[in-house]
Each structure stands twice: as C-alpha cells, then as structure tokens.
Amino acid sequence: MPPRLDNEKFSNRLDTAAKARAEMLAKAKARAEAAKANFESRAGERMALAAARDERAKQRAEEKRLAAIAAEKRRQEEEEQRRLAEIEAKAQAEREHEERVRALEALEAEQKARRDARYAARKAQKKKGR
C-alpha cells in the first residue's frame, strides 16, 4: 500500500483500505488452501510413519518374547546340567567313601592278622619254653 497522500479524498482512502483487506483475505485463503493440501499429504505421511512405528514396536515385542523364551530354555538347560552334575558329584563322593571304607577295612584286617600272628608266635614261644 503506497503512502497516503494528503490530497486523497476520504472515500478513496476507504476504497484503498477495502482493497487492501480484500487482498489480505485472498492471500490468507490461498495460504489456507495450500495448508489444507499440505495437511492431507502430511497426514498421510504421519499415518505411514505411525504404522511403521507400530510395526517396529510389534517386531521388538516379538523379539523380546522370543528372547525371553530362549532365556527360559537356557535357564532350564543350565538347571538340568547343574542337577545332573550334582547327582554325579554325589555318586562320585559315595564311591570315594566306599573305597575309603574298604581300604580301612582291609587295613584293619591286615593289622588284626599281624596282631593274631604275634599273639600266636608268643603262645608258640611259651609252649616251647615250658
């Protein structure tokens, strides 16, 4: 809008102001139409992004579920291996204990045999000495 001249008439100024308002309204309408067209395409893009985000979230949830299943399976296998190792350790300890008991019994039997032999030798000495 050009600067106002002092010699303009009031009606001219009103017409100029009305034209300026009409131009501003036309610009605003044009911007609104462009924004509306943009809104449609942006809304479509947002919907596509939201769908992709939901899909990724579903994939992550599925991966997490599968990882949890695998972790539980590993835990069960480890528990089973630990239980089997514990059973084997108990069996090994029992075998070692039985072996020690047999060795001790053999030692006691050997000691008894020596003691009996000494006793028999003493008795034999006494018989000879009489």
Protein backbone atom coordinates (compact mmCIF):
# COMPACT_ATOMS: atom_id res chain seq x y z
CA MET A 1 0.00 0.00 0.00
CA PRO A 2 1.60 3.25 -1.08
CA PRO A 3 1.97 6.06 1.41
CA ARG A 4 -1.10 8.18 1.80
CA LEU A 5 -1.17 11.48 0.01
CA ASP A 6 -2.73 14.43 1.76
CA ASN A 7 -4.83 15.36 -1.23
CA GLU A 8 -6.61 11.95 -1.30
CA LYS A 9 -10.25 12.01 -0.56
CA PHE A 10 -11.73 10.08 2.33
CA SER A 11 -13.72 7.80 0.02
CA ASN A 12 -10.56 6.97 -1.90
CA ARG A 13 -8.85 6.06 1.33
CA LEU A 14 -11.78 3.82 2.31
CA ASP A 15 -11.66 2.11 -1.10
CA THR A 16 -7.89 1.62 -0.81
CA ALA A 17 -8.27 0.13 2.70
CA ALA A 18 -11.08 -2.18 1.48
CA LYS A 19 -8.90 -3.36 -1.43
CA ALA A 20 -6.00 -3.98 0.96
CA ARG A 21 -8.27 -6.01 3.25
CA ALA A 22 -9.58 -7.98 0.27
CA GLU A 23 -6.02 -8.73 -0.89
CA MET A 24 -5.01 -9.85 2.61
CA LEU A 25 -8.10 -12.07 2.79
CA ALA A 26 -7.28 -13.56 -0.63
CA LYS A 27 -3.70 -14.25 0.50
CA ALA A 28 -4.95 -15.85 3.72
CA LYS A 29 -7.41 -18.03 1.76
CA ALA A 30 -4.67 -19.08 -0.65
CA ARG A 31 -2.41 -19.97 2.28
CA ALA A 32 -5.28 -21.87 3.92
CA GLU A 33 -5.89 -23.84 0.72
CA ALA A 34 -2.17 -24.64 0.41
CA ALA A 35 -2.06 -25.63 4.08
CA LYS A 36 -5.12 -27.83 3.57
CA ALA A 37 -3.47 -29.59 0.63
CA ASN A 38 -0.28 -29.91 2.65
CA PHE A 39 -2.25 -31.18 5.62
CA GLU A 40 -3.66 -34.04 3.58
CA SER A 41 -0.23 -35.15 2.40
CA ARG A 42 1.36 -34.63 5.83
CA ALA A 43 -1.46 -36.53 7.49
CA GLY A 44 -0.81 -39.41 5.10
CA GLU A 45 2.90 -39.27 5.89
CA ARG A 46 2.16 -39.18 9.64
CA MET A 47 -0.15 -42.16 9.28
CA ALA A 48 2.54 -44.07 7.37
CA LEU A 49 5.16 -43.17 9.99
CA ALA A 50 2.80 -44.21 12.80
CA ALA A 51 2.11 -47.52 11.05
CA ALA A 52 5.84 -48.13 10.58
CA ARG A 53 6.47 -47.24 14.23
CA ASP A 54 3.73 -49.65 15.35
CA GLU A 55 5.20 -52.37 13.14
CA ARG A 56 8.67 -51.83 14.63
CA ALA A 57 7.17 -51.93 18.13
CA LYS A 58 5.45 -55.24 17.29
CA GLN A 59 8.72 -56.63 15.94
CA ARG A 60 10.58 -55.55 19.08
CA ALA A 61 7.89 -57.08 21.28
CA GLU A 62 8.09 -60.34 19.30
CA GLU A 63 11.90 -60.34 19.51
CA LYS A 64 11.67 -59.69 23.25
CA ARG A 65 9.17 -62.54 23.64
CA LEU A 66 11.39 -64.92 21.66
CA ALA A 67 14.44 -63.81 23.67
CA ALA A 68 12.54 -64.47 26.90
CA ILE A 69 11.58 -67.94 25.67
CA ALA A 70 15.19 -68.66 24.68
CA ALA A 71 16.46 -67.36 28.05
CA GLU A 72 13.98 -69.57 29.90
CA LYS A 73 15.04 -72.57 27.82
CA ARG A 74 18.74 -71.83 28.55
CA ARG A 75 17.93 -71.45 32.24
CA GLN A 76 16.13 -74.79 32.28
CA GLU A 77 19.02 -76.48 30.45
CA GLU A 78 21.52 -74.98 32.88
CA GLU A 79 19.38 -76.11 35.81
CA GLU A 80 19.23 -79.62 34.35
CA GLN A 81 23.01 -79.67 33.80
CA ARG A 82 23.56 -78.41 37.36
CA ARG A 83 21.22 -81.08 38.72
CA LEU A 84 23.00 -83.82 36.72
CA ALA A 85 26.39 -82.54 37.86
CA GLU A 86 25.17 -82.57 41.46
CA ILE A 87 23.94 -86.17 41.10
CA GLU A 88 27.27 -87.18 39.55
CA ALA A 89 29.20 -85.41 42.32
CA LYS A 90 27.14 -87.23 44.97
CA ALA A 91 27.74 -90.56 43.24
CA GLN A 92 31.49 -89.83 42.99
CA ALA A 93 31.63 -88.86 46.69
CA GLU A 94 29.77 -92.04 47.59
CA ARG A 95 32.19 -94.18 45.52
CA GLU A 96 35.17 -92.47 47.16
CA HIS A 97 33.65 -93.02 50.60
CA GLU A 98 33.05 -96.71 49.87
CA GLU A 99 36.62 -97.01 48.59
CA ARG A 100 37.97 -95.42 51.81
CA VAL A 101 35.79 -97.74 53.91
CA ARG A 102 37.07 -100.80 52.00
CA ALA A 103 40.67 -99.59 52.36
CA LEU A 104 40.16 -99.03 56.10
CA GLU A 105 38.56 -102.47 56.48
CA ALA A 106 41.47 -104.02 54.60
CA LEU A 107 43.94 -102.16 56.83
CA GLU A 108 42.10 -103.29 59.95
CA ALA A 109 42.04 -106.88 58.68
CA GLU A 110 45.79 -106.71 57.95
CA GLN A 111 46.51 -105.24 61.38
CA LYS A 112 44.37 -107.93 63.03
CA ALA A 113 46.19 -110.62 61.06
CA ARG A 114 49.57 -109.24 62.24
CA ARG A 115 48.33 -108.97 65.82
CA ASP A 116 47.00 -112.51 65.67
CA ALA A 117 50.30 -113.70 64.18
CA ARG A 118 52.25 -112.02 67.02
CA TYR A 119 49.90 -113.48 69.58
CA ALA A 120 50.23 -116.92 68.03
CA ALA A 121 54.04 -116.53 67.97
CA ARG A 122 54.06 -115.58 71.68
CA LYS A 123 51.89 -118.55 72.53
CA ALA A 124 54.16 -120.79 70.49
CA GLN A 125 57.21 -119.40 72.38
CA LYS A 126 55.59 -120.04 75.70
CA LYS A 127 54.74 -123.62 74.69
CA LYS A 128 58.33 -124.26 73.62
CA GLY A 129 59.71 -122.65 76.69
CA ARG A 130 57.81 -124.86 79.13
